[in-house]
Amino acid sequence: MAALAVFDLAEAYVPRALLSLKWPNDLLIAGGKASGVLIESGSAAQGLWLAVGIGVNLVSHPEGTERPATHLAAHLRADVSGPPSFDAALNRLADAFGRWRAAWERDGFAPIQAAWTERAAGLGRPVVARLGQETLHGVAEALELDGALRLRLPDGDVRRITAGDVFTS
């Protein structure tokens, strides 16, 4: 949901053809990382709690990163006069997150899965998955109904990736 909300924010300012999502939740603009999402969770008396942190490169991006990075202002559509202010971006992001959360609560994960898959970068292509002490090479096949990435290994086995960093190779 967070990745889709960030995508919706960017789509208001950047041509859709330049936008994609990298599993599990990074926004790419023209192949460069323009945002990231960090989710922390834990248990509480009433159940599970989640804290969702979202960072979006609106007008600048870090230099010297391992993978290419970019920012929204570098890719604006011709009909957009400039990047959003912090408040405008935050409001648009919050509205989009609310819409995706409502869809999930109403219809389950299937519409989230379908929307994410439609916007995904790298599905059907070779990828490298870094999982702590393990690095896997394979083909990213699909986002499963629980959000895991299905990775087809060279020997034909399938691994479900639930946490890690995945890059197209």
Protein backbone atom coordinates (compact mmCIF):
# COMPACT_ATOMS: atom_id res chain seq x y z
CA MET A 1 0.00 0.00 0.00
CA ALA A 2 2.81 2.39 0.86
CA ALA A 3 4.59 1.79 -2.44
CA LEU A 4 1.37 2.32 -4.38
CA ALA A 5 0.70 5.56 -2.49
CA VAL A 6 4.19 6.85 -3.36
CA PHE A 7 3.61 5.84 -6.99
CA ASP A 8 0.35 7.82 -7.00
CA LEU A 9 2.14 10.87 -5.58
CA ALA A 10 4.83 10.71 -8.27
CA GLU A 11 2.32 10.09 -11.05
CA ALA A 12 0.74 13.48 -10.33
CA TYR A 13 4.01 15.16 -11.38
CA VAL A 14 6.06 12.71 -13.48
CA PRO A 15 5.14 10.91 -16.74
CA ARG A 16 3.79 7.47 -15.85
CA ALA A 17 6.05 5.84 -18.45
CA LEU A 18 9.05 6.77 -16.27
CA LEU A 19 7.60 5.24 -13.08
CA SER A 20 7.87 1.71 -11.71
CA LEU A 21 8.05 -0.13 -8.40
CA LYS A 22 10.97 -2.28 -7.26
CA TRP A 23 10.12 -5.05 -4.83
CA PRO A 24 9.09 -4.64 -2.17
CA ASN A 25 8.40 -0.92 -1.99
CA ASP A 26 10.85 1.38 -3.78
CA LEU A 27 9.70 3.92 -6.36
CA LEU A 28 11.91 4.11 -9.44
CA ILE A 29 11.86 7.07 -11.80
CA ALA A 30 13.65 6.36 -15.08
CA GLY A 31 15.39 3.49 -13.28
CA GLY A 32 16.70 5.59 -10.39
CA LYS A 33 15.51 5.13 -6.82
CA ALA A 34 13.37 8.08 -5.76
CA SER A 35 11.89 6.82 -2.52
CA GLY A 36 12.03 4.17 0.11
CA VAL A 37 9.70 2.71 2.69
CA LEU A 38 10.70 1.26 6.04
CA ILE A 39 8.18 -0.73 8.05
CA GLU A 40 8.66 -1.73 11.67
CA SER A 41 6.24 -3.99 13.51
CA GLY A 42 5.68 -5.55 16.87
CA SER A 43 3.02 -7.10 19.04
CA ALA A 44 0.77 -5.28 21.45
CA ALA A 45 -2.10 -6.27 23.74
CA GLN A 46 -4.62 -5.53 20.96
CA GLY A 47 -2.61 -7.28 18.23
CA LEU A 48 0.09 -6.15 15.83
CA TRP A 49 1.34 -2.56 15.48
CA LEU A 50 3.02 -1.14 12.39
CA ALA A 51 5.06 2.01 11.90
CA VAL A 52 5.46 3.02 8.26
CA GLY A 53 8.23 5.45 7.35
CA ILE A 54 8.24 6.88 3.83
CA GLY A 55 10.97 8.99 2.29
CA VAL A 56 10.56 10.62 -1.12
CA ASN A 57 13.29 12.53 -2.95
CA LEU A 58 11.30 15.56 -4.05
CA VAL A 59 14.00 18.07 -5.10
CA SER A 60 17.32 16.32 -4.53
CA HIS A 61 18.80 12.88 -4.02
CA PRO A 62 21.86 11.37 -2.37
CA GLU A 63 25.03 11.03 -4.44
CA GLY A 64 27.43 8.11 -4.38
CA THR A 65 24.81 5.43 -3.73
CA GLU A 66 25.34 1.79 -4.72
CA ARG A 67 22.44 1.98 -7.18
CA PRO A 68 21.34 5.02 -9.21
CA ALA A 69 19.18 7.54 -7.34
CA THR A 70 17.08 10.42 -8.60
CA HIS A 71 14.44 12.91 -7.49
CA LEU A 72 10.97 13.88 -8.62
CA ALA A 73 11.84 17.44 -9.72
CA ALA A 74 14.32 16.11 -12.30
CA HIS A 75 11.52 14.37 -14.24
CA LEU A 76 8.51 16.69 -14.15
CA ARG A 77 5.84 16.52 -16.85
CA ALA A 78 5.71 19.51 -19.19
CA ASP A 79 2.31 20.58 -17.81
CA VAL A 80 3.61 20.74 -14.20
CA SER A 81 5.06 24.06 -13.03
CA GLY A 82 7.30 22.59 -10.34
CA PRO A 83 7.67 19.94 -7.70
CA PRO A 84 5.14 19.82 -4.87
CA SER A 85 5.82 21.56 -1.60
CA PHE A 86 6.45 19.30 1.37
CA ASP A 87 2.89 19.88 2.62
CA ALA A 88 1.32 19.24 -0.79
CA ALA A 89 3.33 16.02 -1.20
CA LEU A 90 2.44 14.86 2.30
CA ASN A 91 -1.27 15.53 1.75
CA ARG A 92 -1.32 13.74 -1.61
CA LEU A 93 0.62 10.80 -0.13
CA ALA A 94 -1.73 10.55 2.87
CA ASP A 95 -4.80 10.64 0.61
CA ALA A 96 -3.37 7.92 -1.65
CA PHE A 97 -2.39 5.75 1.32
CA GLY A 98 -5.92 6.10 2.67
CA ARG A 99 -7.43 5.02 -0.66
CA TRP A 100 -5.18 1.93 -0.88
CA ARG A 101 -5.84 1.03 2.75
CA ALA A 102 -9.59 1.30 2.17
CA ALA A 103 -9.28 -0.95 -0.90
CA TRP A 104 -7.38 -3.53 1.16
CA GLU A 105 -9.89 -3.42 4.02
CA ARG A 106 -12.82 -3.71 1.57
CA ASP A 107 -11.43 -6.25 -0.93
CA GLY A 108 -8.39 -7.89 0.66
CA PHE A 109 -4.87 -7.99 -0.76
CA ALA A 110 -5.80 -9.02 -4.33
CA PRO A 111 -6.32 -5.44 -5.66
CA ILE A 112 -3.05 -4.35 -4.01
CA GLN A 113 -1.27 -7.30 -5.61
CA ALA A 114 -2.75 -6.53 -9.03
CA ALA A 115 -1.93 -2.81 -8.88
CA TRP A 116 1.61 -3.45 -7.64
CA THR A 117 2.19 -6.08 -10.36
CA GLU A 118 0.97 -3.65 -13.04
CA ARG A 119 3.57 -1.11 -11.88
CA ALA A 120 6.41 -3.53 -11.14
CA ALA A 121 9.94 -3.30 -12.49
CA GLY A 122 11.83 -6.49 -13.14
CA LEU A 123 9.10 -9.13 -13.16
CA GLY A 124 9.99 -11.87 -15.62
CA ARG A 125 13.62 -10.72 -15.64
CA PRO A 126 16.81 -11.94 -13.97
CA VAL A 127 17.40 -10.46 -10.52
CA VAL A 128 19.83 -10.69 -7.63
CA ALA A 129 18.28 -11.03 -4.17
CA ARG A 130 20.41 -10.16 -1.14
CA LEU A 131 19.01 -11.84 1.94
CA GLY A 132 21.27 -11.11 4.88
CA GLN A 133 24.09 -13.66 4.54
CA GLU A 134 22.71 -15.22 1.35
CA THR A 135 22.68 -13.93 -2.24
CA LEU A 136 20.38 -15.59 -4.77
CA HIS A 137 20.20 -15.25 -8.54
CA GLY A 138 17.00 -16.06 -10.38
CA VAL A 139 14.00 -14.72 -12.24
CA ALA A 140 11.42 -12.64 -10.37
CA GLU A 141 8.15 -14.31 -11.30
CA ALA A 142 5.37 -12.69 -9.30
CA LEU A 143 4.15 -10.97 -6.19
CA GLU A 144 2.27 -13.55 -4.13
CA LEU A 145 -0.96 -12.91 -2.23
CA ASP A 146 0.96 -12.30 1.00
CA GLY A 147 3.38 -9.82 -0.62
CA ALA A 148 6.29 -12.26 -0.97
CA LEU A 149 8.30 -12.23 -4.19
CA ARG A 150 8.37 -15.56 -6.03
CA LEU A 151 11.90 -16.14 -7.31
CA ARG A 152 12.66 -18.94 -9.81
CA LEU A 153 16.21 -20.20 -9.23
CA PRO A 154 18.46 -21.46 -12.06
CA ASP A 155 17.86 -25.09 -10.98
CA GLY A 156 14.09 -24.59 -11.34
CA ASP A 157 13.34 -24.41 -7.62
CA VAL A 158 11.17 -21.55 -6.37
CA ARG A 159 12.06 -19.42 -3.34
CA ARG A 160 9.64 -17.09 -1.64
CA ILE A 161 11.43 -13.88 -0.69
CA THR A 162 9.77 -12.11 2.24
CA ALA A 163 12.59 -9.74 3.17
CA GLY A 164 15.73 -8.57 1.43
CA ASP A 165 16.99 -6.34 -1.33
CA VAL A 166 16.27 -7.28 -4.94
CA PHE A 167 17.94 -5.73 -7.99
CA THR A 168 17.64 -6.46 -11.69
CA SER A 169 20.84 -8.03 -12.89
